[in-house]
Amino acid sequence: VQLVESGGGSVQPGGSLRLSCAASGFTFSNYAVSWYRQAPGKERELVALIGSTGSSTAYADSAKGRFTISRDNPKNTVYLQMNSLQPEDTAVYYCRVAIVLRTYWGQGTQVTVSS
């Protein structure tokens, strides 16, 4: 199982970024995928979750109305569109999948929001 995040970077407050998580090594369309983030000195927290077909999603309160999670099963990729970014969104963003009794994480992608 491999998860590879990309799309992070530095943006000004109010800006947007689109993160991608490319998956391989398992039957991607069978599993829900989630995005987490970890800011310096803080615990890793759930940002958004998408079901295996993409028809169900859930968001942390901090992400509602600003972030959109989506997936493209033929491309084995999950996306996180982030709009109206604020300094408090600065963190390393990770994608995660749980398969049977194991949890897999990507290496993370850094998002920095600063003026």
C-alpha atoms as a PDB file:
ATOM      1  CA  VAL A   1       0.000   0.000   0.000  1.00  0.00           C
ATOM      2  CA  GLN A   2       1.316   3.404  -0.936  1.00  0.00           C
ATOM      3  CA  LEU A   3      -0.204   6.847  -0.515  1.00  0.00           C
ATOM      4  CA  VAL A   4       1.535   9.859  -2.043  1.00  0.00           C
ATOM      5  CA  GLU A   5       0.316  13.372  -1.299  1.00  0.00           C
ATOM      6  CA  SER A   6       1.093  16.390  -3.436  1.00  0.00           C
ATOM      7  CA  GLY A   7      -0.125  19.911  -4.068  1.00  0.00           C
ATOM      8  CA  GLY A   8       0.978  21.632  -0.893  1.00  0.00           C
ATOM      9  CA  GLY A   9       2.721  24.974  -0.858  1.00  0.00           C
ATOM     10  CA  SER A  10       2.679  28.505   0.461  1.00  0.00           C
ATOM     11  CA  VAL A  11      -0.289  30.784  -0.067  1.00  0.00           C
ATOM     12  CA  GLN A  12      -1.574  34.058   1.299  1.00  0.00           C
ATOM     13  CA  PRO A  13      -4.659  34.209   3.507  1.00  0.00           C
ATOM     14  CA  GLY A  14      -7.767  33.833   1.387  1.00  0.00           C
ATOM     15  CA  GLY A  15      -5.953  31.729  -1.183  1.00  0.00           C
ATOM     16  CA  SER A  16      -6.675  28.227  -2.418  1.00  0.00           C
ATOM     17  CA  LEU A  17      -4.824  24.961  -2.845  1.00  0.00           C
ATOM     18  CA  ARG A  18      -5.793  21.560  -4.203  1.00  0.00           C
ATOM     19  CA  LEU A  19      -4.148  18.574  -2.584  1.00  0.00           C
ATOM     20  CA  SER A  20      -3.956  15.164  -4.235  1.00  0.00           C
ATOM     21  CA  CYS A  21      -3.424  11.726  -2.741  1.00  0.00           C
ATOM     22  CA  ALA A  22      -2.410   9.058  -5.239  1.00  0.00           C
ATOM     23  CA  ALA A  23      -2.971   5.515  -3.984  1.00  0.00           C
ATOM     24  CA  SER A  24      -1.598   2.177  -5.084  1.00  0.00           C
ATOM     25  CA  GLY A  25      -1.213  -1.379  -3.861  1.00  0.00           C
ATOM     26  CA  PHE A  26      -4.841  -2.054  -2.957  1.00  0.00           C
ATOM     27  CA  THR A  27      -8.322  -1.969  -4.479  1.00  0.00           C
ATOM     28  CA  PHE A  28      -8.816   1.748  -4.087  1.00  0.00           C
ATOM     29  CA  SER A  29     -12.519   1.829  -4.933  1.00  0.00           C
ATOM     30  CA  ASN A  30     -13.344  -0.449  -1.984  1.00  0.00           C
ATOM     31  CA  TYR A  31     -12.168   1.871   0.775  1.00  0.00           C
ATOM     32  CA  ALA A  32     -12.963   5.184   2.389  1.00  0.00           C
ATOM     33  CA  VAL A  33     -10.099   7.667   2.490  1.00  0.00           C
ATOM     34  CA  SER A  34      -9.549  10.562   4.834  1.00  0.00           C
ATOM     35  CA  TRP A  35      -7.415  13.673   5.052  1.00  0.00           C
ATOM     36  CA  TYR A  36      -5.749  14.624   8.326  1.00  0.00           C
ATOM     37  CA  ARG A  37      -3.512  17.497   9.274  1.00  0.00           C
ATOM     38  CA  GLN A  38      -0.950  18.176  11.955  1.00  0.00           C
ATOM     39  CA  ALA A  39       0.149  21.643  12.934  1.00  0.00           C
ATOM     40  CA  PRO A  40       3.395  22.250  14.864  1.00  0.00           C
ATOM     41  CA  GLY A  41       2.956  21.302  18.495  1.00  0.00           C
ATOM     42  CA  LYS A  42      -0.539  19.943  17.971  1.00  0.00           C
ATOM     43  CA  GLU A  43      -2.065  16.517  17.583  1.00  0.00           C
ATOM     44  CA  ARG A  44      -2.997  15.156  14.197  1.00  0.00           C
ATOM     45  CA  GLU A  45      -6.660  15.884  13.456  1.00  0.00           C
ATOM     46  CA  LEU A  46      -9.241  14.683  10.970  1.00  0.00           C
ATOM     47  CA  VAL A  47     -10.094  17.199   8.252  1.00  0.00           C
ATOM     48  CA  ALA A  48     -12.379  15.299   5.858  1.00  0.00           C
ATOM     49  CA  LEU A  49     -13.510  11.805   4.950  1.00  0.00           C
ATOM     50  CA  ILE A  50     -14.945  10.340   1.773  1.00  0.00           C
ATOM     51  CA  GLY A  51     -16.655   6.992   1.311  1.00  0.00           C
ATOM     52  CA  SER A  52     -15.557   4.387  -1.168  1.00  0.00           C
ATOM     53  CA  THR A  53     -17.905   5.514  -3.949  1.00  0.00           C
ATOM     54  CA  GLY A  54     -17.579   9.216  -3.231  1.00  0.00           C
ATOM     55  CA  SER A  55     -21.250   9.616  -2.438  1.00  0.00           C
ATOM     56  CA  SER A  56     -20.720  10.238   1.261  1.00  0.00           C
ATOM     57  CA  THR A  57     -18.449  12.824   2.825  1.00  0.00           C
ATOM     58  CA  ALA A  58     -17.836  14.307   6.251  1.00  0.00           C
ATOM     59  CA  TYR A  59     -15.884  17.320   7.434  1.00  0.00           C
ATOM     60  CA  ALA A  60     -14.413  18.748  10.583  1.00  0.00           C
ATOM     61  CA  ASP A  61     -16.140  21.917  11.690  1.00  0.00           C
ATOM     62  CA  SER A  62     -13.028  23.875  10.751  1.00  0.00           C
ATOM     63  CA  ALA A  63     -13.278  22.632   7.156  1.00  0.00           C
ATOM     64  CA  LYS A  64     -17.002  22.917   6.524  1.00  0.00           C
ATOM     65  CA  GLY A  65     -17.895  25.405   3.824  1.00  0.00           C
ATOM     66  CA  ARG A  66     -14.269  25.931   2.790  1.00  0.00           C
ATOM     67  CA  PHE A  67     -12.842  22.497   1.930  1.00  0.00           C
ATOM     68  CA  THR A  68     -14.195  19.890  -0.469  1.00  0.00           C
ATOM     69  CA  ILE A  69     -13.065  16.288  -0.578  1.00  0.00           C
ATOM     70  CA  SER A  70     -13.561  14.260  -3.747  1.00  0.00           C
ATOM     71  CA  ARG A  71     -12.197  11.159  -5.420  1.00  0.00           C
ATOM     72  CA  ASP A  72     -11.573   9.751  -8.866  1.00  0.00           C
ATOM     73  CA  ASN A  73     -11.647   5.985  -8.539  1.00  0.00           C
ATOM     74  CA  PRO A  74     -10.371   5.193 -12.053  1.00  0.00           C
ATOM     75  CA  LYS A  75      -7.338   7.362 -11.240  1.00  0.00           C
ATOM     76  CA  ASN A  76      -6.931   5.986  -7.687  1.00  0.00           C
ATOM     77  CA  THR A  77      -6.769   9.540  -6.389  1.00  0.00           C
ATOM     78  CA  VAL A  78      -8.432  11.558  -3.650  1.00  0.00           C
ATOM     79  CA  TYR A  79      -8.451  15.346  -3.687  1.00  0.00           C
ATOM     80  CA  LEU A  80      -8.870  18.061  -1.102  1.00  0.00           C
ATOM     81  CA  GLN A  81      -9.857  21.439  -2.520  1.00  0.00           C
ATOM     82  CA  MET A  82      -9.116  24.099   0.072  1.00  0.00           C
ATOM     83  CA  ASN A  83     -10.493  27.611  -0.330  1.00  0.00           C
ATOM     84  CA  SER A  84     -10.404  30.700   1.876  1.00  0.00           C
ATOM     85  CA  LEU A  85      -7.271  29.435   3.572  1.00  0.00           C
ATOM     86  CA  GLN A  86      -6.276  31.032   6.858  1.00  0.00           C
ATOM     87  CA  PRO A  87      -3.043  30.989   8.869  1.00  0.00           C
ATOM     88  CA  GLU A  88      -4.572  28.437  11.234  1.00  0.00           C
ATOM     89  CA  ASP A  89      -4.772  26.004   8.311  1.00  0.00           C
ATOM     90  CA  THR A  90      -0.977  25.834   8.263  1.00  0.00           C
ATOM     91  CA  ALA A  91      -0.036  22.194   8.812  1.00  0.00           C
ATOM     92  CA  VAL A  92       1.268  19.051   7.216  1.00  0.00           C
ATOM     93  CA  TYR A  93      -1.637  17.329   5.465  1.00  0.00           C
ATOM     94  CA  TYR A  94      -1.797  13.548   5.289  1.00  0.00           C
ATOM     95  CA  CYS A  95      -4.095  11.091   3.598  1.00  0.00           C
ATOM     96  CA  ARG A  96      -5.042   7.919   5.391  1.00  0.00           C
ATOM     97  CA  VAL A  97      -6.720   4.625   4.582  1.00  0.00           C
ATOM     98  CA  ALA A  98      -7.694   1.815   6.925  1.00  0.00           C
ATOM     99  CA  ILE A  99      -7.622  -1.678   5.435  1.00  0.00           C
ATOM    100  CA  VAL A 100      -8.831  -4.520   7.666  1.00  0.00           C
ATOM    101  CA  LEU A 101      -6.886  -3.963  10.903  1.00  0.00           C
ATOM    102  CA  ARG A 102      -4.115  -1.752   9.515  1.00  0.00           C
ATOM    103  CA  THR A 103      -3.892   1.966   8.951  1.00  0.00           C
ATOM    104  CA  TYR A 104      -1.753   3.456   6.218  1.00  0.00           C
ATOM    105  CA  TRP A 105      -0.523   7.044   5.927  1.00  0.00           C
ATOM    106  CA  GLY A 106       1.170   9.033   3.233  1.00  0.00           C
ATOM    107  CA  GLN A 107       4.319  11.044   3.860  1.00  0.00           C
ATOM    108  CA  GLY A 108       2.402  14.321   4.037  1.00  0.00           C
ATOM    109  CA  THR A 109       2.473  17.607   2.170  1.00  0.00           C
ATOM    110  CA  GLN A 110       3.163  20.965   3.807  1.00  0.00           C
ATOM    111  CA  VAL A 111       0.605  23.762   3.580  1.00  0.00           C
ATOM    112  CA  THR A 112       1.685  27.193   4.794  1.00  0.00           C
ATOM    113  CA  VAL A 113      -0.708  30.129   4.898  1.00  0.00           C
ATOM    114  CA  SER A 114       1.003  33.410   5.585  1.00  0.00           C
ATOM    115  CA  SER A 115       1.016  37.002   4.453  1.00  0.00           C
END
